[in-house]
PDB file of N, CA and C in Angstrom:
ATOM      1  N   MET A   1     -21.088  -4.430 -20.148  1.00  0.00           N
ATOM      2  CA  MET A   1     -22.137  -3.589 -20.741  1.00  0.00           C
ATOM      3  C   MET A   1     -21.206  -2.770 -21.829  1.00  0.00           C
ATOM      4  N   GLY A   2     -21.903  -2.487 -22.893  1.00  0.00           N
ATOM      5  CA  GLY A   2     -21.263  -1.851 -23.931  1.00  0.00           C
ATOM      6  C   GLY A   2     -22.171  -0.680 -24.509  1.00  0.00           C
ATOM      7  N   GLU A   3     -21.606   0.304 -24.729  1.00  0.00           N
ATOM      8  CA  GLU A   3     -22.498   1.672 -24.919  1.00  0.00           C
ATOM      9  C   GLU A   3     -21.550   2.444 -25.699  1.00  0.00           C
ATOM     10  N   THR A   4     -22.183   3.125 -26.811  1.00  0.00           N
ATOM     11  CA  THR A   4     -21.407   4.035 -27.578  1.00  0.00           C
ATOM     12  C   THR A   4     -21.649   5.499 -27.382  1.00  0.00           C
ATOM     13  N   VAL A   5     -20.711   6.387 -26.963  1.00  0.00           N
ATOM     14  CA  VAL A   5     -20.879   7.797 -26.792  1.00  0.00           C
ATOM     15  C   VAL A   5     -19.883   8.553 -27.543  1.00  0.00           C
ATOM     16  N   GLY A   6     -20.128   9.816 -27.880  1.00  0.00           N
ATOM     17  CA  GLY A   6     -19.479  10.787 -28.601  1.00  0.00           C
ATOM     18  C   GLY A   6     -19.102  11.932 -27.690  1.00  0.00           C
ATOM     19  N   ALA A   7     -18.027  12.422 -28.262  1.00  0.00           N
ATOM     20  CA  ALA A   7     -17.854  13.678 -27.499  1.00  0.00           C
ATOM     21  C   ALA A   7     -18.430  14.916 -28.240  1.00  0.00           C
ATOM     22  N   ASP A   8     -18.574  15.874 -27.287  1.00  0.00           N
ATOM     23  CA  ASP A   8     -19.408  17.101 -27.617  1.00  0.00           C
ATOM     24  C   ASP A   8     -18.303  17.951 -28.557  1.00  0.00           C
ATOM     25  N   ASP A   9     -18.561  19.365 -28.529  1.00  0.00           N
ATOM     26  CA  ASP A   9     -17.566  20.134 -29.289  1.00  0.00           C
ATOM     27  C   ASP A   9     -16.423  20.668 -28.358  1.00  0.00           C
ATOM     28  N   GLN A  10     -16.865  20.486 -27.016  1.00  0.00           N
ATOM     29  CA  GLN A  10     -15.668  20.805 -26.284  1.00  0.00           C
ATOM     30  C   GLN A  10     -14.619  19.576 -25.777  1.00  0.00           C
ATOM     31  N   GLY A  11     -14.959  18.498 -26.448  1.00  0.00           N
ATOM     32  CA  GLY A  11     -14.390  17.153 -26.065  1.00  0.00           C
ATOM     33  C   GLY A  11     -15.004  16.407 -24.720  1.00  0.00           C
ATOM     34  N   ARG A  12     -16.191  16.911 -24.326  1.00  0.00           N
ATOM     35  CA  ARG A  12     -16.612  15.969 -23.195  1.00  0.00           C
ATOM     36  C   ARG A  12     -17.399  14.862 -23.471  1.00  0.00           C
ATOM     37  N   VAL A  13     -17.348  13.893 -22.750  1.00  0.00           N
ATOM     38  CA  VAL A  13     -18.113  12.735 -22.654  1.00  0.00           C
ATOM     39  C   VAL A  13     -18.862  12.234 -21.711  1.00  0.00           C
ATOM     40  N   VAL A  14     -20.157  12.205 -22.018  1.00  0.00           N
ATOM     41  CA  VAL A  14     -21.231  11.702 -20.846  1.00  0.00           C
ATOM     42  C   VAL A  14     -20.835  10.211 -20.562  1.00  0.00           C
ATOM     43  N   ILE A  15     -20.243   9.845 -19.159  1.00  0.00           N
ATOM     44  CA  ILE A  15     -20.407   8.566 -18.704  1.00  0.00           C
ATOM     45  C   ILE A  15     -22.036   8.002 -18.415  1.00  0.00           C
ATOM     46  N   PRO A  16     -22.430   7.282 -18.911  1.00  0.00           N
ATOM     47  CA  PRO A  16     -23.981   6.577 -18.588  1.00  0.00           C
ATOM     48  C   PRO A  16     -23.841   6.457 -17.080  1.00  0.00           C
ATOM     49  N   TYR A  17     -25.010   6.819 -16.637  1.00  0.00           N
ATOM     50  CA  TYR A  17     -25.581   6.705 -15.297  1.00  0.00           C
ATOM     51  C   TYR A  17     -25.327   5.727 -14.746  1.00  0.00           C
ATOM     52  N   GLU A  18     -25.470   4.387 -15.113  1.00  0.00           N
ATOM     53  CA  GLU A  18     -25.387   2.919 -14.709  1.00  0.00           C
ATOM     54  C   GLU A  18     -23.868   2.669 -14.259  1.00  0.00           C
ATOM     55  N   ILE A  19     -22.866   3.422 -15.139  1.00  0.00           N
ATOM     56  CA  ILE A  19     -21.502   3.214 -15.022  1.00  0.00           C
ATOM     57  C   ILE A  19     -21.159   4.309 -13.762  1.00  0.00           C
ATOM     58  N   ARG A  20     -21.467   5.311 -13.761  1.00  0.00           N
ATOM     59  CA  ARG A  20     -21.226   6.262 -12.898  1.00  0.00           C
ATOM     60  C   ARG A  20     -21.943   5.563 -11.302  1.00  0.00           C
ATOM     61  N   GLU A  21     -22.908   5.171 -11.446  1.00  0.00           N
ATOM     62  CA  GLU A  21     -23.104   4.617 -10.043  1.00  0.00           C
ATOM     63  C   GLU A  21     -22.539   3.395  -9.577  1.00  0.00           C
ATOM     64  N   LYS A  22     -22.157   2.750 -10.479  1.00  0.00           N
ATOM     65  CA  LYS A  22     -21.183   1.388 -10.295  1.00  0.00           C
ATOM     66  C   LYS A  22     -19.792   1.863  -9.908  1.00  0.00           C
ATOM     67  N   HIS A  23     -19.245   2.630 -10.699  1.00  0.00           N
ATOM     68  CA  HIS A  23     -17.733   2.918 -10.426  1.00  0.00           C
ATOM     69  C   HIS A  23     -17.360   4.406 -10.039  1.00  0.00           C
ATOM     70  N   GLY A  24     -18.510   5.398  -9.911  1.00  0.00           N
ATOM     71  CA  GLY A  24     -18.233   6.593  -9.308  1.00  0.00           C
ATOM     72  C   GLY A  24     -17.765   7.912 -10.355  1.00  0.00           C
ATOM     73  N   ASP A  25     -17.521   8.800  -9.959  1.00  0.00           N
ATOM     74  CA  ASP A  25     -17.683  10.037 -10.924  1.00  0.00           C
ATOM     75  C   ASP A  25     -16.078  10.498 -11.313  1.00  0.00           C
ATOM     76  N   ARG A  26     -15.331  10.116 -10.577  1.00  0.00           N
ATOM     77  CA  ARG A  26     -13.601  10.136 -11.063  1.00  0.00           C
ATOM     78  C   ARG A  26     -12.876   9.206 -11.759  1.00  0.00           C
ATOM     79  N   TYR A  27     -12.578   9.485 -12.980  1.00  0.00           N
ATOM     80  CA  TYR A  27     -11.510   8.422 -13.731  1.00  0.00           C
ATOM     81  C   TYR A  27     -10.090   9.181 -14.130  1.00  0.00           C
ATOM     82  N   ARG A  28      -9.269   8.212 -14.048  1.00  0.00           N
ATOM     83  CA  ARG A  28      -8.040   8.652 -14.717  1.00  0.00           C
ATOM     84  C   ARG A  28      -8.191   8.236 -16.318  1.00  0.00           C
ATOM     85  N   VAL A  29      -7.658   9.019 -16.927  1.00  0.00           N
ATOM     86  CA  VAL A  29      -7.834   8.531 -18.552  1.00  0.00           C
ATOM     87  C   VAL A  29      -6.369   8.073 -18.848  1.00  0.00           C
ATOM     88  N   VAL A  30      -6.340   6.973 -19.561  1.00  0.00           N
ATOM     89  CA  VAL A  30      -4.973   6.568 -19.743  1.00  0.00           C
ATOM     90  C   VAL A  30      -5.069   6.129 -21.282  1.00  0.00           C
ATOM     91  N   GLU A  31      -4.013   6.558 -22.097  1.00  0.00           N
ATOM     92  CA  GLU A  31      -3.951   6.585 -23.452  1.00  0.00           C
ATOM     93  C   GLU A  31      -3.016   5.588 -23.761  1.00  0.00           C
ATOM     94  N   ARG A  32      -3.785   4.247 -24.395  1.00  0.00           N
ATOM     95  CA  ARG A  32      -2.677   3.239 -24.874  1.00  0.00           C
ATOM     96  C   ARG A  32      -2.497   3.629 -26.539  1.00  0.00           C
ATOM     97  N   ARG A  33      -1.582   2.627 -26.998  1.00  0.00           N
ATOM     98  CA  ARG A  33      -1.154   2.571 -28.237  1.00  0.00           C
ATOM     99  C   ARG A  33      -2.671   2.551 -29.307  1.00  0.00           C
ATOM    100  N   ASP A  34      -3.320   1.776 -28.849  1.00  0.00           N
ATOM    101  CA  ASP A  34      -4.342   1.462 -29.816  1.00  0.00           C
ATOM    102  C   ASP A  34      -5.882   1.766 -29.318  1.00  0.00           C
ATOM    103  N   ARG A  35      -5.949   2.339 -28.006  1.00  0.00           N
ATOM    104  CA  ARG A  35      -7.160   2.709 -27.321  1.00  0.00           C
ATOM    105  C   ARG A  35      -7.040   3.665 -26.269  1.00  0.00           C
ATOM    106  N   VAL A  36      -8.071   4.232 -25.624  1.00  0.00           N
ATOM    107  CA  VAL A  36      -8.088   5.048 -24.433  1.00  0.00           C
ATOM    108  C   VAL A  36      -8.875   4.258 -23.325  1.00  0.00           C
ATOM    109  N   GLU A  37      -8.498   4.293 -22.239  1.00  0.00           N
ATOM    110  CA  GLU A  37      -9.109   3.727 -21.231  1.00  0.00           C
ATOM    111  C   GLU A  37      -9.444   4.626 -19.953  1.00  0.00           C
ATOM    112  N   LEU A  38     -10.288   4.277 -19.366  1.00  0.00           N
ATOM    113  CA  LEU A  38     -11.193   5.044 -18.225  1.00  0.00           C
ATOM    114  C   LEU A  38     -10.779   4.322 -17.116  1.00  0.00           C
ATOM    115  N   ILE A  39     -10.119   4.567 -16.023  1.00  0.00           N
ATOM    116  CA  ILE A  39      -9.683   3.913 -14.683  1.00  0.00           C
ATOM    117  C   ILE A  39     -10.489   4.658 -13.485  1.00  0.00           C
ATOM    118  N   PRO A  40     -11.569   3.815 -13.001  1.00  0.00           N
ATOM    119  CA  PRO A  40     -12.365   4.526 -11.886  1.00  0.00           C
ATOM    120  C   PRO A  40     -11.258   4.890 -10.713  1.00  0.00           C
ATOM    121  N   LEU A  41     -11.472   6.260 -10.043  1.00  0.00           N
ATOM    122  CA  LEU A  41     -10.477   6.389  -9.194  1.00  0.00           C
ATOM    123  C   LEU A  41     -11.549   6.464  -7.803  1.00  0.00           C
ATOM    124  N   ASN A  42     -10.944   5.892  -6.750  1.00  0.00           N
ATOM    125  CA  ASN A  42     -11.516   5.911  -5.413  1.00  0.00           C
ATOM    126  C   ASN A  42     -11.362   7.315  -4.908  1.00  0.00           C
ATOM    127  N   ASP A  43     -12.548   7.711  -3.991  1.00  0.00           N
ATOM    128  CA  ASP A  43     -12.505   9.180  -3.689  1.00  0.00           C
ATOM    129  C   ASP A  43     -11.093   9.155  -2.611  1.00  0.00           C
ATOM    130  N   ASP A  44     -11.161   8.143  -1.980  1.00  0.00           N
ATOM    131  CA  ASP A  44      -9.892   8.310  -0.995  1.00  0.00           C
ATOM    132  C   ASP A  44      -8.882   7.478  -1.453  1.00  0.00           C
ATOM    133  N   PRO A  45      -7.775   8.186  -2.125  1.00  0.00           N
ATOM    134  CA  PRO A  45      -6.555   7.548  -2.794  1.00  0.00           C
ATOM    135  C   PRO A  45      -5.811   6.436  -1.753  1.00  0.00           C
ATOM    136  N   ILE A  46      -5.798   6.607  -0.759  1.00  0.00           N
ATOM    137  CA  ILE A  46      -5.235   5.571   0.258  1.00  0.00           C
ATOM    138  C   ILE A  46      -6.160   4.420   0.091  1.00  0.00           C
ATOM    139  N   GLU A  47      -7.416   4.526   0.447  1.00  0.00           N
ATOM    140  CA  GLU A  47      -8.520   3.451   0.194  1.00  0.00           C
ATOM    141  C   GLU A  47      -8.062   2.740  -1.137  1.00  0.00           C
ATOM    142  N   GLY A  48      -8.006   3.374  -2.119  1.00  0.00           N
ATOM    143  CA  GLY A  48      -8.005   2.835  -3.407  1.00  0.00           C
ATOM    144  C   GLY A  48      -6.569   2.072  -3.265  1.00  0.00           C
ATOM    145  N   LEU A  49      -5.614   2.588  -2.770  1.00  0.00           N
ATOM    146  CA  LEU A  49      -4.399   1.884  -2.685  1.00  0.00           C
ATOM    147  C   LEU A  49      -4.595   0.459  -2.107  1.00  0.00           C
ATOM    148  N   ARG A  50      -5.083   0.554  -0.965  1.00  0.00           N
ATOM    149  CA  ARG A  50      -5.414  -0.646  -0.085  1.00  0.00           C
ATOM    150  C   ARG A  50      -6.221  -1.709  -0.966  1.00  0.00           C
ATOM    151  N   ASP A  51      -7.113  -1.118  -1.657  1.00  0.00           N
ATOM    152  CA  ASP A  51      -8.023  -2.144  -2.581  1.00  0.00           C
ATOM    153  C   ASP A  51      -7.135  -2.702  -3.603  1.00  0.00           C
ATOM    154  N   ALA A  52      -6.296  -1.794  -4.255  1.00  0.00           N
ATOM    155  CA  ALA A  52      -5.287  -2.403  -5.298  1.00  0.00           C
ATOM    156  C   ALA A  52      -4.441  -3.681  -4.764  1.00  0.00           C
ATOM    157  N   VAL A  53      -3.969  -3.231  -3.664  1.00  0.00           N
ATOM    158  CA  VAL A  53      -2.866  -4.178  -3.131  1.00  0.00           C
ATOM    159  C   VAL A  53      -3.211  -5.173  -2.185  1.00  0.00           C
ATOM    160  N   GLY A  54      -4.713  -5.093  -1.698  1.00  0.00           N
ATOM    161  CA  GLY A  54      -5.104  -6.083  -1.073  1.00  0.00           C
ATOM    162  C   GLY A  54      -4.555  -5.742   0.476  1.00  0.00           C
ATOM    163  N   ASP A  55      -4.185  -6.851   1.367  1.00  0.00           N
ATOM    164  CA  ASP A  55      -3.839  -6.658   2.553  1.00  0.00           C
ATOM    165  C   ASP A  55      -2.400  -6.391   2.952  1.00  0.00           C
ATOM    166  N   ALA A  56      -1.695  -6.104   2.157  1.00  0.00           N
ATOM    167  CA  ALA A  56      -0.204  -5.708   1.918  1.00  0.00           C
ATOM    168  C   ALA A  56      -0.042  -4.611   3.045  1.00  0.00           C
ATOM    169  N   PHE A  57      -0.941  -3.739   3.255  1.00  0.00           N
ATOM    170  CA  PHE A  57      -0.714  -2.622   4.359  1.00  0.00           C
ATOM    171  C   PHE A  57      -1.459  -2.742   5.262  1.00  0.00           C
ATOM    172  N   ASP A  58      -2.011  -3.534   5.605  1.00  0.00           N
ATOM    173  CA  ASP A  58      -3.044  -3.696   6.807  1.00  0.00           C
ATOM    174  C   ASP A  58      -2.379  -3.247   8.200  1.00  0.00           C
ATOM    175  N   ASP A  59      -1.011  -3.575   8.318  1.00  0.00           N
ATOM    176  CA  ASP A  59      -0.401  -3.293   9.778  1.00  0.00           C
ATOM    177  C   ASP A  59       0.061  -1.941   9.502  1.00  0.00           C
ATOM    178  N   THR A  60      -0.044  -1.016   8.408  1.00  0.00           N
ATOM    179  CA  THR A  60       0.591   0.263   8.168  1.00  0.00           C
ATOM    180  C   THR A  60      -0.550   1.228   8.534  1.00  0.00           C
ATOM    181  N   SER A  61       0.056   2.380   9.040  1.00  0.00           N
ATOM    182  CA  SER A  61      -1.059   3.548   9.266  1.00  0.00           C
ATOM    183  C   SER A  61      -1.121   4.390   7.945  1.00  0.00           C
ATOM    184  N   ILE A  62      -2.137   5.139   7.716  1.00  0.00           N
ATOM    185  CA  ILE A  62      -2.070   6.042   6.793  1.00  0.00           C
ATOM    186  C   ILE A  62      -0.872   6.990   6.809  1.00  0.00           C
ATOM    187  N   GLU A  63      -0.795   7.521   7.812  1.00  0.00           N
ATOM    188  CA  GLU A  63       0.335   8.651   8.163  1.00  0.00           C
ATOM    189  C   GLU A  63       1.597   7.825   7.929  1.00  0.00           C
ATOM    190  N   GLU A  64       1.957   6.416   7.870  1.00  0.00           N
ATOM    191  CA  GLU A  64       3.279   5.911   7.749  1.00  0.00           C
ATOM    192  C   GLU A  64       3.220   5.840   6.058  1.00  0.00           C
ATOM    193  N   ILE A  65       1.990   5.343   5.311  1.00  0.00           N
ATOM    194  CA  ILE A  65       2.045   5.145   3.974  1.00  0.00           C
ATOM    195  C   ILE A  65       2.440   6.410   3.389  1.00  0.00           C
ATOM    196  N   LYS A  66       1.786   7.702   3.964  1.00  0.00           N
ATOM    197  CA  LYS A  66       2.005   8.908   3.379  1.00  0.00           C
ATOM    198  C   LYS A  66       3.426   9.423   3.652  1.00  0.00           C
ATOM    199  N   ARG A  67       3.978   9.057   4.774  1.00  0.00           N
ATOM    200  CA  ARG A  67       5.416   9.580   4.824  1.00  0.00           C
ATOM    201  C   ARG A  67       6.439   8.573   3.852  1.00  0.00           C
ATOM    202  N   GLU A  68       6.128   7.279   3.763  1.00  0.00           N
ATOM    203  CA  GLU A  68       7.104   6.334   2.932  1.00  0.00           C
ATOM    204  C   GLU A  68       6.720   7.133   1.540  1.00  0.00           C
ATOM    205  N   SER A  69       5.781   7.296   1.120  1.00  0.00           N
ATOM    206  CA  SER A  69       5.485   8.003  -0.194  1.00  0.00           C
ATOM    207  C   SER A  69       6.137   9.166  -0.275  1.00  0.00           C
ATOM    208  N   ARG A  70       5.941  10.214   0.526  1.00  0.00           N
ATOM    209  CA  ARG A  70       6.692  11.403   0.339  1.00  0.00           C
ATOM    210  C   ARG A  70       8.176  11.348   0.457  1.00  0.00           C
ATOM    211  N   GLU A  71       9.028  10.364   1.077  1.00  0.00           N
ATOM    212  CA  GLU A  71      10.305   9.802   0.838  1.00  0.00           C
ATOM    213  C   GLU A  71      10.882   9.366  -0.279  1.00  0.00           C
ATOM    214  N   THR A  72      10.025   8.675  -0.636  1.00  0.00           N
ATOM    215  CA  THR A  72      10.258   7.906  -1.929  1.00  0.00           C
ATOM    216  C   THR A  72      10.162   8.810  -3.170  1.00  0.00           C
ATOM    217  N   ALA A  73       9.182   9.689  -3.292  1.00  0.00           N
ATOM    218  CA  ALA A  73       8.962  10.777  -4.341  1.00  0.00           C
ATOM    219  C   ALA A  73      10.146  11.703  -4.338  1.00  0.00           C
ATOM    220  N   GLN A  74      10.649  12.019  -3.118  1.00  0.00           N
ATOM    221  CA  GLN A  74      11.765  13.035  -2.882  1.00  0.00           C
ATOM    222  C   GLN A  74      13.112  12.303  -3.418  1.00  0.00           C
ATOM    223  N   GLU A  75      13.060  11.219  -3.099  1.00  0.00           N
ATOM    224  CA  GLU A  75      14.466  10.565  -3.302  1.00  0.00           C
ATOM    225  C   GLU A  75      14.494  10.460  -4.920  1.00  0.00           C
ATOM    226  N   ASP A  76      13.317  10.010  -5.724  1.00  0.00           N
ATOM    227  CA  ASP A  76      13.001   9.953  -6.971  1.00  0.00           C
ATOM    228  C   ASP A  76      13.557  11.249  -7.612  1.00  0.00           C
ATOM    229  N   ALA A  77      12.798  12.426  -7.237  1.00  0.00           N
ATOM    230  CA  ALA A  77      13.103  13.648  -7.754  1.00  0.00           C
ATOM    231  C   ALA A  77      14.606  14.042  -7.700  1.00  0.00           C
ATOM    232  N   LEU A  78      15.395  13.377  -6.492  1.00  0.00           N
ATOM    233  CA  LEU A  78      16.721  14.129  -6.117  1.00  0.00           C
ATOM    234  C   LEU A  78      17.636  13.115  -7.292  1.00  0.00           C
ATOM    235  N   ASP A  79      17.166  11.911  -7.431  1.00  0.00           N
ATOM    236  CA  ASP A  79      17.850  11.125  -8.395  1.00  0.00           C
ATOM    237  C   ASP A  79      17.878  11.477  -9.676  1.00  0.00           C
ATOM    238  N   GLU A  80      16.609  11.955 -10.101  1.00  0.00           N
ATOM    239  CA  GLU A  80      16.336  12.848 -11.487  1.00  0.00           C
ATOM    240  C   GLU A  80      17.151  13.759 -11.427  1.00  0.00           C
ATOM    241  N   LEU A  81      17.100  14.825 -10.824  1.00  0.00           N
ATOM    242  CA  LEU A  81      17.968  16.131 -10.732  1.00  0.00           C
ATOM    243  C   LEU A  81      19.455  15.610 -11.136  1.00  0.00           C
ATOM    244  N   SER A  82      19.975  14.819 -10.140  1.00  0.00           N
ATOM    245  CA  SER A  82      21.414  14.400 -10.154  1.00  0.00           C
ATOM    246  C   SER A  82      21.674  13.628 -11.499  1.00  0.00           C
ATOM    247  N   GLY A  83      20.704  13.166 -12.097  1.00  0.00           N
ATOM    248  CA  GLY A  83      21.076  12.449 -13.248  1.00  0.00           C
ATOM    249  C   GLY A  83      21.260  10.852 -13.210  1.00  0.00           C
ATOM    250  N   ASN A  84      20.781  10.355 -11.924  1.00  0.00           N
ATOM    251  CA  ASN A  84      21.079   8.912 -11.797  1.00  0.00           C
ATOM    252  C   ASN A  84      20.093   7.954 -12.422  1.00  0.00           C
ATOM    253  N   ARG A  85      19.237   8.599 -13.252  1.00  0.00           N
ATOM    254  CA  ARG A  85      18.212   7.855 -13.782  1.00  0.00           C
ATOM    255  C   ARG A  85      18.366   7.868 -15.208  1.00  0.00           C
TER     256      ARG A  85
END
C-alpha cells in the first residue's frame, strides 16, 4: 500500500486507518540518510523482542531477559564512563 500524507503545522502526520489497524498505534521513527522509516512497536516490548528473534528465548523467562538486559546496559554504561569504548 502506498499513500501520500503530509505534516500539519505542528509536524504531525496522520497514519491511515488501515495501516494502524494492521500495525498498531506506536512506531519508532528512524532517520536514514535518504529517507525516514516508521517501525511498528509491539505494545509489549518483550513480546516484540520474542517476535524479532524467533524462538531464541523460548526457554528464558521474562524476568531473566530483563535481568540480563539491565546487567548488559549497566556494563555498557560503566565501560563508556571509563573510556573503554
